[in-house]
């Protein structure tokens, strides 16, 4: 066991090196920040590594100086402390000016990168992201295409089944990190996001994109991304938003622009309006009261089954009966 632990730590150290920084999603035992797949994530990684190496150099100089002083001027060699020393103007100037210079070296490029991170101008398309307990709604503005994205059915089944084994979870590698409908985006395209929520505060976060943004009811926040590499990038809601906060994953599928245009045309041609979060598909999706959705098992297991809404005629019937009496 000890050997396996040292092996894992060795891999973690390798992952922390700049040359071993991961390009996309985080992995277990990763220590260093990943490079990501966007301009924003690369800027964040570069600022992080610049500060890291400056701090490493400062630490090396300080500890080497301390080691040299303790070894060179130790009592056993007859060193005598200088009790008359009070201050050195030259030394005070040095240890004030040098940190200021280092801070400027880090602050100037970091400020430029921070400004660029919030510059949504010249974007080629806009996606509206709406957080809803406990799913995401995506709207491709101007294209009349909407998508509801929620935890995939297999993960939902596994998490609610008390008999689920480790083998079952290992057979589903993207457990709790997969969705039924992914957000499809084109590569090499500046995409603007407008982010809000319908109920409580959520936070839209995909690590590979290099940023996270709060989704707040009544407020529109902006962000942008330009993905360089096609692939699947996963994230999660990063703001505690209720009992199912941990089951609100995000999956972004980046594809070449030509493939995206084909996919978007197919979605527009289908012309199927997505169901609202309060509506239930014909087959049931496990989120509505059991009377409406037979597949709903979570609230039954927890003893919290919501009551099915009554039709207006049904609700009025008891009142009419009482009047007749």
C-alpha atoms as a PDB file:
ATOM      1  CA  UNK A   1       0.000   0.000   0.000  1.00  0.00           C
ATOM      2  CA  UNK A   2       2.823   2.365   0.874  1.00  0.00           C
ATOM      3  CA  UNK A   3       4.483   1.706  -2.488  1.00  0.00           C
ATOM      4  CA  UNK A   4       1.247   2.462  -4.322  1.00  0.00           C
ATOM      5  CA  UNK A   5       0.898   5.690  -2.356  1.00  0.00           C
ATOM      6  CA  UNK A   6       4.414   6.804  -3.281  1.00  0.00           C
ATOM      7  CA  UNK A   7       3.687   5.916  -6.905  1.00  0.00           C
ATOM      8  CA  UNK A   8       0.588   8.104  -6.929  1.00  0.00           C
ATOM      9  CA  UNK A   9       2.495  10.970  -5.368  1.00  0.00           C
ATOM     10  CA  UNK A  10       5.209  10.549  -7.994  1.00  0.00           C
ATOM     11  CA  UNK A  11       2.641  10.878 -10.764  1.00  0.00           C
ATOM     12  CA  UNK A  12       1.207  13.926  -9.029  1.00  0.00           C
ATOM     13  CA  UNK A  13       4.629  15.584  -8.943  1.00  0.00           C
ATOM     14  CA  UNK A  14       5.101  14.876 -12.643  1.00  0.00           C
ATOM     15  CA  UNK A  15       1.675  16.367 -13.345  1.00  0.00           C
ATOM     16  CA  UNK A  16       2.716  19.497 -11.455  1.00  0.00           C
ATOM     17  CA  UNK A  17       5.629  20.179 -13.788  1.00  0.00           C
ATOM     18  CA  UNK A  18       5.014  22.705 -16.591  1.00  0.00           C
ATOM     19  CA  UNK A  19       5.832  20.184 -19.300  1.00  0.00           C
ATOM     20  CA  UNK A  20       3.316  17.739 -17.802  1.00  0.00           C
ATOM     21  CA  UNK A  21       0.465  20.203 -17.341  1.00  0.00           C
ATOM     22  CA  UNK A  22      -2.776  18.708 -18.554  1.00  0.00           C
ATOM     23  CA  UNK A  23      -4.462  20.178 -21.588  1.00  0.00           C
ATOM     24  CA  UNK A  24      -8.107  19.630 -20.686  1.00  0.00           C
ATOM     25  CA  UNK A  25     -10.108  18.161 -17.815  1.00  0.00           C
ATOM     26  CA  UNK A  26      -8.504  17.674 -14.382  1.00  0.00           C
ATOM     27  CA  UNK A  27      -7.533  14.167 -13.285  1.00  0.00           C
ATOM     28  CA  UNK A  28      -7.031  12.527  -9.903  1.00  0.00           C
ATOM     29  CA  UNK A  29      -3.849  13.483  -8.044  1.00  0.00           C
ATOM     30  CA  UNK A  30      -3.206  16.413 -10.348  1.00  0.00           C
ATOM     31  CA  UNK A  31      -1.362  19.213  -8.529  1.00  0.00           C
ATOM     32  CA  UNK A  32      -0.611  21.770 -11.207  1.00  0.00           C
ATOM     33  CA  UNK A  33      -3.094  23.919 -13.092  1.00  0.00           C
ATOM     34  CA  UNK A  34      -3.996  22.612 -16.545  1.00  0.00           C
ATOM     35  CA  UNK A  35      -3.319  24.536 -19.736  1.00  0.00           C
ATOM     36  CA  UNK A  36      -6.917  24.186 -20.910  1.00  0.00           C
ATOM     37  CA  UNK A  37      -8.044  24.532 -24.511  1.00  0.00           C
ATOM     38  CA  UNK A  38      -8.941  28.220 -24.799  1.00  0.00           C
ATOM     39  CA  UNK A  39      -7.183  31.570 -24.875  1.00  0.00           C
ATOM     40  CA  UNK A  40      -8.507  32.395 -21.393  1.00  0.00           C
ATOM     41  CA  UNK A  41      -7.277  29.143 -19.863  1.00  0.00           C
ATOM     42  CA  UNK A  42      -3.854  29.578 -21.482  1.00  0.00           C
ATOM     43  CA  UNK A  43      -3.598  33.144 -20.145  1.00  0.00           C
ATOM     44  CA  UNK A  44      -4.488  31.939 -16.651  1.00  0.00           C
ATOM     45  CA  UNK A  45      -1.933  29.136 -16.884  1.00  0.00           C
ATOM     46  CA  UNK A  46       0.829  31.486 -18.046  1.00  0.00           C
ATOM     47  CA  UNK A  47       0.112  33.972 -15.239  1.00  0.00           C
ATOM     48  CA  UNK A  48       0.099  31.128 -12.740  1.00  0.00           C
ATOM     49  CA  UNK A  49       3.422  29.710 -13.943  1.00  0.00           C
ATOM     50  CA  UNK A  50       5.080  33.133 -13.983  1.00  0.00           C
ATOM     51  CA  UNK A  51       4.102  33.734 -10.355  1.00  0.00           C
ATOM     52  CA  UNK A  52       5.093  30.161  -9.485  1.00  0.00           C
ATOM     53  CA  UNK A  53       8.633  30.487 -10.818  1.00  0.00           C
ATOM     54  CA  UNK A  54       9.128  33.912  -9.208  1.00  0.00           C
ATOM     55  CA  UNK A  55       8.001  32.525  -5.853  1.00  0.00           C
ATOM     56  CA  UNK A  56      10.235  29.477  -6.348  1.00  0.00           C
ATOM     57  CA  UNK A  57      13.241  31.712  -7.046  1.00  0.00           C
ATOM     58  CA  UNK A  58      12.513  33.870  -3.992  1.00  0.00           C
ATOM     59  CA  UNK A  59      12.188  30.802  -1.793  1.00  0.00           C
ATOM     60  CA  UNK A  60      15.430  29.324  -3.128  1.00  0.00           C
ATOM     61  CA  UNK A  61      17.385  32.557  -2.488  1.00  0.00           C
ATOM     62  CA  UNK A  62      15.967  32.967   1.036  1.00  0.00           C
ATOM     63  CA  UNK A  63      16.623  29.381   2.116  1.00  0.00           C
ATOM     64  CA  UNK A  64      20.088  29.314   0.580  1.00  0.00           C
ATOM     65  CA  UNK A  65      20.952  32.552   2.400  1.00  0.00           C
ATOM     66  CA  UNK A  66      19.612  31.155   5.669  1.00  0.00           C
ATOM     67  CA  UNK A  67      21.542  27.911   5.216  1.00  0.00           C
ATOM     68  CA  UNK A  68      24.758  29.739   4.389  1.00  0.00           C
ATOM     69  CA  UNK A  69      24.407  32.079   7.386  1.00  0.00           C
ATOM     70  CA  UNK A  70      23.681  29.230   9.812  1.00  0.00           C
ATOM     71  CA  UNK A  71      26.620  27.199   8.542  1.00  0.00           C
ATOM     72  CA  UNK A  72      29.167  30.000   8.078  1.00  0.00           C
ATOM     73  CA  UNK A  73      28.467  31.901  11.271  1.00  0.00           C
ATOM     74  CA  UNK A  74      27.702  29.093  13.695  1.00  0.00           C
ATOM     75  CA  UNK A  75      28.730  29.344  17.348  1.00  0.00           C
ATOM     76  CA  UNK A  76      31.026  26.321  17.165  1.00  0.00           C
ATOM     77  CA  UNK A  77      33.249  28.233  14.730  1.00  0.00           C
ATOM     78  CA  UNK A  78      33.599  31.125  17.123  1.00  0.00           C
ATOM     79  CA  UNK A  79      31.092  33.474  15.511  1.00  0.00           C
ATOM     80  CA  UNK A  80      30.156  36.441  17.696  1.00  0.00           C
ATOM     81  CA  UNK A  81      26.841  38.315  17.167  1.00  0.00           C
ATOM     82  CA  UNK A  82      27.056  41.970  16.232  1.00  0.00           C
ATOM     83  CA  UNK A  83      24.988  43.597  18.960  1.00  0.00           C
ATOM     84  CA  UNK A  84      25.730  47.115  17.731  1.00  0.00           C
ATOM     85  CA  UNK A  85      24.005  46.694  14.354  1.00  0.00           C
ATOM     86  CA  UNK A  86      20.804  48.726  14.091  1.00  0.00           C
ATOM     87  CA  UNK A  87      19.936  49.177  10.408  1.00  0.00           C
ATOM     88  CA  UNK A  88      21.310  49.520   6.903  1.00  0.00           C
ATOM     89  CA  UNK A  89      19.796  52.118   4.624  1.00  0.00           C
ATOM     90  CA  UNK A  90      21.170  50.408   1.547  1.00  0.00           C
ATOM     91  CA  UNK A  91      19.748  47.040   2.561  1.00  0.00           C
ATOM     92  CA  UNK A  92      16.341  48.544   3.333  1.00  0.00           C
ATOM     93  CA  UNK A  93      16.238  50.157  -0.106  1.00  0.00           C
ATOM     94  CA  UNK A  94      17.107  46.844  -1.761  1.00  0.00           C
ATOM     95  CA  UNK A  95      14.463  44.792   0.045  1.00  0.00           C
ATOM     96  CA  UNK A  96      11.829  47.428  -0.748  1.00  0.00           C
ATOM     97  CA  UNK A  97      12.656  48.077  -4.400  1.00  0.00           C
ATOM     98  CA  UNK A  98      13.132  44.435  -5.427  1.00  0.00           C
ATOM     99  CA  UNK A  99       9.631  43.281  -4.289  1.00  0.00           C
ATOM    100  CA  UNK A 100       8.053  46.296  -6.002  1.00  0.00           C
ATOM    101  CA  UNK A 101       9.802  45.422  -9.261  1.00  0.00           C
ATOM    102  CA  UNK A 102       8.668  41.792  -8.980  1.00  0.00           C
ATOM    103  CA  UNK A 103       5.067  42.836  -8.318  1.00  0.00           C
ATOM    104  CA  UNK A 104       5.075  45.116 -11.367  1.00  0.00           C
ATOM    105  CA  UNK A 105       6.513  42.310 -13.497  1.00  0.00           C
ATOM    106  CA  UNK A 106       3.598  40.083 -12.458  1.00  0.00           C
ATOM    107  CA  UNK A 107       0.868  42.741 -12.399  1.00  0.00           C
ATOM    108  CA  UNK A 108       1.299  44.254 -15.864  1.00  0.00           C
ATOM    109  CA  UNK A 109       0.733  41.084 -17.931  1.00  0.00           C
ATOM    110  CA  UNK A 110      -1.869  39.780 -15.454  1.00  0.00           C
ATOM    111  CA  UNK A 111      -3.906  42.971 -15.819  1.00  0.00           C
ATOM    112  CA  UNK A 112      -3.792  42.787 -19.608  1.00  0.00           C
ATOM    113  CA  UNK A 113      -4.954  39.162 -19.513  1.00  0.00           C
ATOM    114  CA  UNK A 114      -7.732  39.986 -17.065  1.00  0.00           C
ATOM    115  CA  UNK A 115      -9.018  42.762 -19.329  1.00  0.00           C
ATOM    116  CA  UNK A 116      -8.945  40.396 -22.326  1.00  0.00           C
ATOM    117  CA  UNK A 117     -10.899  37.790 -20.349  1.00  0.00           C
ATOM    118  CA  UNK A 118     -13.882  40.155 -20.072  1.00  0.00           C
ATOM    119  CA  UNK A 119     -13.737  41.529 -23.617  1.00  0.00           C
ATOM    120  CA  UNK A 120     -16.721  39.955 -25.379  1.00  0.00           C
ATOM    121  CA  UNK A 121     -16.534  42.197 -28.428  1.00  0.00           C
ATOM    122  CA  UNK A 122     -16.232  40.722 -31.931  1.00  0.00           C
ATOM    123  CA  UNK A 123     -17.895  37.464 -30.889  1.00  0.00           C
ATOM    124  CA  UNK A 124     -19.354  35.440 -33.743  1.00  0.00           C
ATOM    125  CA  UNK A 125     -22.253  33.838 -31.851  1.00  0.00           C
ATOM    126  CA  UNK A 126     -24.034  34.088 -28.501  1.00  0.00           C
ATOM    127  CA  UNK A 127     -25.265  31.302 -26.235  1.00  0.00           C
ATOM    128  CA  UNK A 128     -27.606  32.030 -23.354  1.00  0.00           C
ATOM    129  CA  UNK A 129     -27.057  29.765 -20.349  1.00  0.00           C
ATOM    130  CA  UNK A 130     -29.832  29.516 -17.762  1.00  0.00           C
ATOM    131  CA  UNK A 131     -29.427  27.570 -14.538  1.00  0.00           C
ATOM    132  CA  UNK A 132     -32.535  25.719 -13.367  1.00  0.00           C
ATOM    133  CA  UNK A 133     -32.775  23.361 -10.402  1.00  0.00           C
ATOM    134  CA  UNK A 134     -31.146  21.047 -11.377  1.00  0.00           C
ATOM    135  CA  UNK A 135     -30.352  21.297 -15.074  1.00  0.00           C
ATOM    136  CA  UNK A 136     -29.031  23.765 -17.647  1.00  0.00           C
ATOM    137  CA  UNK A 137     -30.918  25.433 -20.460  1.00  0.00           C
ATOM    138  CA  UNK A 138     -28.947  26.549 -23.531  1.00  0.00           C
ATOM    139  CA  UNK A 139     -30.296  28.919 -26.167  1.00  0.00           C
ATOM    140  CA  UNK A 140     -28.426  29.701 -29.377  1.00  0.00           C
ATOM    141  CA  UNK A 141     -29.576  33.288 -29.702  1.00  0.00           C
ATOM    142  CA  UNK A 142     -30.769  34.239 -33.176  1.00  0.00           C
ATOM    143  CA  UNK A 143     -30.924  30.611 -34.300  1.00  0.00           C
ATOM    144  CA  UNK A 144     -34.172  29.538 -32.581  1.00  0.00           C
ATOM    145  CA  UNK A 145     -32.448  26.477 -31.095  1.00  0.00           C
ATOM    146  CA  UNK A 146     -32.831  25.542 -27.425  1.00  0.00           C
ATOM    147  CA  UNK A 147     -31.463  22.585 -25.460  1.00  0.00           C
ATOM    148  CA  UNK A 148     -32.184  21.248 -21.984  1.00  0.00           C
ATOM    149  CA  UNK A 149     -29.235  19.436 -20.460  1.00  0.00           C
ATOM    150  CA  UNK A 150     -29.434  17.353 -17.297  1.00  0.00           C
ATOM    151  CA  UNK A 151     -27.740  14.408 -15.599  1.00  0.00           C
ATOM    152  CA  UNK A 152     -27.843  11.324 -17.829  1.00  0.00           C
ATOM    153  CA  UNK A 153     -30.277   8.570 -16.928  1.00  0.00           C
ATOM    154  CA  UNK A 154     -27.616   5.936 -16.208  1.00  0.00           C
ATOM    155  CA  UNK A 155     -25.828   8.127 -13.653  1.00  0.00           C
ATOM    156  CA  UNK A 156     -29.196   9.025 -12.140  1.00  0.00           C
ATOM    157  CA  UNK A 157     -30.095   5.348 -11.837  1.00  0.00           C
ATOM    158  CA  UNK A 158     -26.758   4.387 -10.297  1.00  0.00           C
ATOM    159  CA  UNK A 159     -26.757   7.174  -7.731  1.00  0.00           C
ATOM    160  CA  UNK A 160     -30.234   6.271  -6.476  1.00  0.00           C
ATOM    161  CA  UNK A 161     -29.736   2.499  -6.377  1.00  0.00           C
ATOM    162  CA  UNK A 162     -28.523   1.348  -2.964  1.00  0.00           C
ATOM    163  CA  UNK A 163     -27.266  -1.891  -4.499  1.00  0.00           C
ATOM    164  CA  UNK A 164     -24.860  -0.129  -6.865  1.00  0.00           C
ATOM    165  CA  UNK A 165     -21.349  -1.611  -6.640  1.00  0.00           C
ATOM    166  CA  UNK A 166     -17.929  -0.228  -7.430  1.00  0.00           C
ATOM    167  CA  UNK A 167     -17.900  -2.398 -10.562  1.00  0.00           C
ATOM    168  CA  UNK A 168     -21.103  -0.706 -11.728  1.00  0.00           C
ATOM    169  CA  UNK A 169     -19.538   2.728 -11.255  1.00  0.00           C
ATOM    170  CA  UNK A 170     -16.304   1.716 -13.006  1.00  0.00           C
ATOM    171  CA  UNK A 171     -18.361   0.529 -15.975  1.00  0.00           C
ATOM    172  CA  UNK A 172     -19.694   4.092 -16.319  1.00  0.00           C
ATOM    173  CA  UNK A 173     -16.494   6.220 -16.497  1.00  0.00           C
ATOM    174  CA  UNK A 174     -18.369   9.527 -16.699  1.00  0.00           C
ATOM    175  CA  UNK A 175     -20.474   8.786 -13.628  1.00  0.00           C
ATOM    176  CA  UNK A 176     -22.196  12.004 -12.471  1.00  0.00           C
ATOM    177  CA  UNK A 177     -20.324  13.922 -15.185  1.00  0.00           C
ATOM    178  CA  UNK A 178     -22.437  13.004 -18.211  1.00  0.00           C
ATOM    179  CA  UNK A 179     -25.626  14.572 -19.548  1.00  0.00           C
ATOM    180  CA  UNK A 180     -28.447  13.667 -21.866  1.00  0.00           C
ATOM    181  CA  UNK A 181     -27.896  16.652 -24.211  1.00  0.00           C
ATOM    182  CA  UNK A 182     -24.450  18.213 -24.597  1.00  0.00           C
ATOM    183  CA  UNK A 183     -23.696  21.831 -25.445  1.00  0.00           C
ATOM    184  CA  UNK A 184     -22.206  21.771 -28.951  1.00  0.00           C
ATOM    185  CA  UNK A 185     -19.814  24.604 -29.840  1.00  0.00           C
ATOM    186  CA  UNK A 186     -17.598  25.280 -32.867  1.00  0.00           C
ATOM    187  CA  UNK A 187     -13.827  25.437 -32.560  1.00  0.00           C
ATOM    188  CA  UNK A 188     -11.795  28.496 -33.596  1.00  0.00           C
ATOM    189  CA  UNK A 189     -14.874  30.656 -33.046  1.00  0.00           C
ATOM    190  CA  UNK A 190     -15.311  33.375 -30.436  1.00  0.00           C
ATOM    191  CA  UNK A 191     -18.481  32.453 -28.554  1.00  0.00           C
ATOM    192  CA  UNK A 192     -20.153  34.913 -26.181  1.00  0.00           C
ATOM    193  CA  UNK A 193     -22.101  33.606 -23.190  1.00  0.00           C
ATOM    194  CA  UNK A 194     -24.861  35.409 -21.334  1.00  0.00           C
ATOM    195  CA  UNK A 195     -25.507  33.590 -18.084  1.00  0.00           C
ATOM    196  CA  UNK A 196     -28.434  33.806 -15.681  1.00  0.00           C
ATOM    197  CA  UNK A 197     -30.709  31.602 -13.544  1.00  0.00           C
ATOM    198  CA  UNK A 198     -34.414  31.001 -13.078  1.00  0.00           C
ATOM    199  CA  UNK A 199     -34.555  30.135  -9.376  1.00  0.00           C
ATOM    200  CA  UNK A 200     -31.437  30.215  -7.174  1.00  0.00           C
ATOM    201  CA  UNK A 201     -27.777  31.085  -7.713  1.00  0.00           C
ATOM    202  CA  UNK A 202     -25.825  28.582  -9.807  1.00  0.00           C
ATOM    203  CA  UNK A 203     -22.324  28.778 -11.268  1.00  0.00           C
ATOM    204  CA  UNK A 204     -21.387  27.546 -14.750  1.00  0.00           C
ATOM    205  CA  UNK A 205     -17.886  26.057 -14.658  1.00  0.00           C
ATOM    206  CA  UNK A 206     -15.909  24.010 -17.178  1.00  0.00           C
ATOM    207  CA  UNK A 207     -12.236  23.882 -16.054  1.00  0.00           C
ATOM    208  CA  UNK A 208     -10.864  23.326 -19.559  1.00  0.00           C
ATOM    209  CA  UNK A 209     -12.370  26.655 -20.680  1.00  0.00           C
ATOM    210  CA  UNK A 210     -10.449  28.529 -17.991  1.00  0.00           C
ATOM    211  CA  UNK A 211     -13.231  30.446 -16.213  1.00  0.00           C
ATOM    212  CA  UNK A 212     -16.402  30.137 -14.196  1.00  0.00           C
ATOM    213  CA  UNK A 213     -19.331  32.534 -14.040  1.00  0.00           C
ATOM    214  CA  UNK A 214     -22.173  32.836 -11.543  1.00  0.00           C
ATOM    215  CA  UNK A 215     -25.734  32.409 -12.795  1.00  0.00           C
ATOM    216  CA  UNK A 216     -27.878  34.766 -10.697  1.00  0.00           C
ATOM    217  CA  UNK A 217     -31.654  35.260 -11.044  1.00  0.00           C
ATOM    218  CA  UNK A 218     -32.447  38.695 -12.450  1.00  0.00           C
ATOM    219  CA  UNK A 219     -28.831  39.392 -13.445  1.00  0.00           C
ATOM    220  CA  UNK A 220     -27.089  38.741 -16.778  1.00  0.00           C
ATOM    221  CA  UNK A 221     -23.368  37.943 -16.545  1.00  0.00           C
ATOM    222  CA  UNK A 222     -21.121  37.770 -19.601  1.00  0.00           C
ATOM    223  CA  UNK A 223     -18.185  35.601 -20.586  1.00  0.00           C
ATOM    224  CA  UNK A 224     -16.614  34.313 -23.774  1.00  0.00           C
ATOM    225  CA  UNK A 225     -14.531  31.443 -25.048  1.00  0.00           C
ATOM    226  CA  UNK A 226     -12.698  30.327 -28.161  1.00  0.00           C
ATOM    227  CA  UNK A 227     -11.913  26.628 -28.115  1.00  0.00           C
ATOM    228  CA  UNK A 228      -8.807  25.585 -30.027  1.00  0.00           C
ATOM    229  CA  UNK A 229      -9.088  21.783 -29.868  1.00  0.00           C
ATOM    230  CA  UNK A 230     -12.102  19.560 -30.674  1.00  0.00           C
ATOM    231  CA  UNK A 231     -13.138  17.301 -27.835  1.00  0.00           C
ATOM    232  CA  UNK A 232     -15.431  16.655 -24.881  1.00  0.00           C
ATOM    233  CA  UNK A 233     -14.951  18.942 -21.874  1.00  0.00           C
ATOM    234  CA  UNK A 234     -16.798  18.397 -18.614  1.00  0.00           C
ATOM    235  CA  UNK A 235     -17.708  20.629 -15.710  1.00  0.00           C
ATOM    236  CA  UNK A 236     -20.216  21.097 -12.915  1.00  0.00           C
ATOM    237  CA  UNK A 237     -22.286  23.673 -11.124  1.00  0.00           C
ATOM    238  CA  UNK A 238     -19.872  25.371  -8.725  1.00  0.00           C
ATOM    239  CA  UNK A 239     -22.395  27.081  -6.431  1.00  0.00           C
ATOM    240  CA  UNK A 240     -24.401  25.259  -3.776  1.00  0.00           C
ATOM    241  CA  UNK A 241     -27.915  25.389  -5.223  1.00  0.00           C
ATOM    242  CA  UNK A 242     -29.967  22.815  -3.343  1.00  0.00           C
ATOM    243  CA  UNK A 243     -30.148  19.120  -2.576  1.00  0.00           C
ATOM    244  CA  UNK A 244     -29.200  18.025  -6.104  1.00  0.00           C
ATOM    245  CA  UNK A 245     -26.351  20.515  -6.538  1.00  0.00           C
ATOM    246  CA  UNK A 246     -23.891  17.644  -6.943  1.00  0.00           C
ATOM    247  CA  UNK A 247     -25.904  16.201  -9.837  1.00  0.00           C
ATOM    248  CA  UNK A 248     -25.838  19.180 -12.201  1.00  0.00           C
ATOM    249  CA  UNK A 249     -23.007  18.401 -14.639  1.00  0.00           C
ATOM    250  CA  UNK A 250     -21.982  20.302 -17.758  1.00  0.00           C
ATOM    251  CA  UNK A 251     -20.664  18.733 -20.963  1.00  0.00           C
ATOM    252  CA  UNK A 252     -19.307  20.829 -23.837  1.00  0.00           C
ATOM    253  CA  UNK A 253     -18.640  19.151 -27.164  1.00  0.00           C
ATOM    254  CA  UNK A 254     -16.307  21.184 -29.382  1.00  0.00           C
ATOM    255  CA  UNK A 255     -16.399  20.303 -33.088  1.00  0.00           C
ATOM    256  CA  UNK A 256     -14.978  21.906 -36.268  1.00  0.00           C
ATOM    257  CA  UNK A 257     -17.031  24.797 -37.598  1.00  0.00           C
ATOM    258  CA  UNK A 258     -18.285  22.881 -40.637  1.00  0.00           C
ATOM    259  CA  UNK A 259     -19.543  20.030 -38.436  1.00  0.00           C
ATOM    260  CA  UNK A 260     -21.192  22.524 -36.082  1.00  0.00           C
ATOM    261  CA  UNK A 261     -22.990  24.256 -38.954  1.00  0.00           C
ATOM    262  CA  UNK A 262     -24.346  20.887 -40.095  1.00  0.00           C
ATOM    263  CA  UNK A 263     -25.514  20.035 -36.576  1.00  0.00           C
ATOM    264  CA  UNK A 264     -27.151  23.449 -36.127  1.00  0.00           C
ATOM    265  CA  UNK A 265     -28.968  23.158 -39.451  1.00  0.00           C
ATOM    266  CA  UNK A 266     -30.293  19.749 -38.399  1.00  0.00           C
ATOM    267  CA  UNK A 267     -31.543  21.168 -35.095  1.00  0.00           C
ATOM    268  CA  UNK A 268     -33.279  24.042 -36.842  1.00  0.00           C
ATOM    269  CA  UNK A 269     -34.811  21.707 -39.398  1.00  0.00           C
ATOM    270  CA  UNK A 270     -36.184  19.456 -36.678  1.00  0.00           C
ATOM    271  CA  UNK A 271     -38.030  22.462 -35.279  1.00  0.00           C
ATOM    272  CA  UNK A 272     -38.912  20.714 -32.041  1.00  0.00           C
ATOM    273  CA  UNK A 273     -39.471  23.123 -29.171  1.00  0.00           C
ATOM    274  CA  UNK A 274     -37.817  21.787 -25.991  1.00  0.00           C
ATOM    275  CA  UNK A 275     -39.918  20.956 -22.981  1.00  0.00           C
ATOM    276  CA  UNK A 276     -39.974  23.483 -20.185  1.00  0.00           C
ATOM    277  CA  UNK A 277     -38.396  22.289 -16.895  1.00  0.00           C
ATOM    278  CA  UNK A 278     -41.882  22.006 -15.347  1.00  0.00           C
ATOM    279  CA  UNK A 279     -43.192  19.806 -18.172  1.00  0.00           C
ATOM    280  CA  UNK A 280     -42.716  16.083 -18.449  1.00  0.00           C
ATOM    281  CA  UNK A 281     -41.878  14.245 -21.693  1.00  0.00           C
ATOM    282  CA  UNK A 282     -44.230  11.506 -22.711  1.00  0.00           C
ATOM    283  CA  UNK A 283     -41.808   8.770 -21.642  1.00  0.00           C
ATOM    284  CA  UNK A 284     -41.020  10.430 -18.302  1.00  0.00           C
ATOM    285  CA  UNK A 285     -37.630  11.758 -17.309  1.00  0.00           C
ATOM    286  CA  UNK A 286     -37.560  11.064 -13.588  1.00  0.00           C
ATOM    287  CA  UNK A 287     -38.089  14.596 -12.342  1.00  0.00           C
ATOM    288  CA  UNK A 288     -41.863  14.940 -11.937  1.00  0.00           C
ATOM    289  CA  UNK A 289     -44.366  13.617  -9.360  1.00  0.00           C
ATOM    290  CA  UNK A 290     -44.885   9.901  -9.661  1.00  0.00           C
ATOM    291  CA  UNK A 291     -48.505  10.319 -10.746  1.00  0.00           C
ATOM    292  CA  UNK A 292     -47.242  12.140 -13.829  1.00  0.00           C
ATOM    293  CA  UNK A 293     -43.924  10.371 -14.314  1.00  0.00           C
ATOM    294  CA  UNK A 294     -43.724   6.645 -13.409  1.00  0.00           C
ATOM    295  CA  UNK A 295     -39.934   6.736 -13.804  1.00  0.00           C
ATOM    296  CA  UNK A 296     -39.509   9.128 -10.899  1.00  0.00           C
ATOM    297  CA  UNK A 297     -37.904   7.141  -8.072  1.00  0.00           C
ATOM    298  CA  UNK A 298     -35.812   9.565  -6.055  1.00  0.00           C
ATOM    299  CA  UNK A 299     -38.566  11.282  -4.037  1.00  0.00           C
ATOM    300  CA  UNK A 300     -40.263   7.943  -3.390  1.00  0.00           C
ATOM    301  CA  UNK A 301     -37.039   6.542  -1.922  1.00  0.00           C
ATOM    302  CA  UNK A 302     -36.555   9.636   0.229  1.00  0.00           C
ATOM    303  CA  UNK A 303     -40.177   9.747   1.364  1.00  0.00           C
ATOM    304  CA  UNK A 304     -40.707  13.123  -0.267  1.00  0.00           C
ATOM    305  CA  UNK A 305     -42.991  12.305  -3.178  1.00  0.00           C
ATOM    306  CA  UNK A 306     -44.654  15.539  -4.313  1.00  0.00           C
ATOM    307  CA  UNK A 307     -48.362  15.546  -4.896  1.00  0.00           C
ATOM    308  CA  UNK A 308     -49.584  15.605  -8.469  1.00  0.00           C
ATOM    309  CA  UNK A 309     -51.199  18.901  -9.487  1.00  0.00           C
ATOM    310  CA  UNK A 310     -54.971  18.720  -9.778  1.00  0.00           C
ATOM    311  CA  UNK A 311     -56.922  19.707 -12.819  1.00  0.00           C
ATOM    312  CA  UNK A 312     -59.174  22.761 -12.331  1.00  0.00           C
ATOM    313  CA  UNK A 313     -62.314  20.593 -12.581  1.00  0.00           C
ATOM    314  CA  UNK A 314     -60.978  18.175  -9.972  1.00  0.00           C
ATOM    315  CA  UNK A 315     -60.014  20.961  -7.591  1.00  0.00           C
ATOM    316  CA  UNK A 316     -63.490  22.526  -7.847  1.00  0.00           C
ATOM    317  CA  UNK A 317     -65.376  19.267  -7.260  1.00  0.00           C
ATOM    318  CA  UNK A 318     -64.939  19.114  -3.421  1.00  0.00           C
ATOM    319  CA  UNK A 319     -66.107  22.712  -3.072  1.00  0.00           C
ATOM    320  CA  UNK A 320     -69.254  22.000  -5.131  1.00  0.00           C
ATOM    321  CA  UNK A 321     -69.996  18.938  -3.023  1.00  0.00           C
ATOM    322  CA  UNK A 322     -69.642  20.942   0.196  1.00  0.00           C
ATOM    323  CA  UNK A 323     -72.052  23.580  -1.174  1.00  0.00           C
ATOM    324  CA  UNK A 324     -74.617  20.959  -2.040  1.00  0.00           C
ATOM    325  CA  UNK A 325     -74.590  19.639   1.519  1.00  0.00           C
END
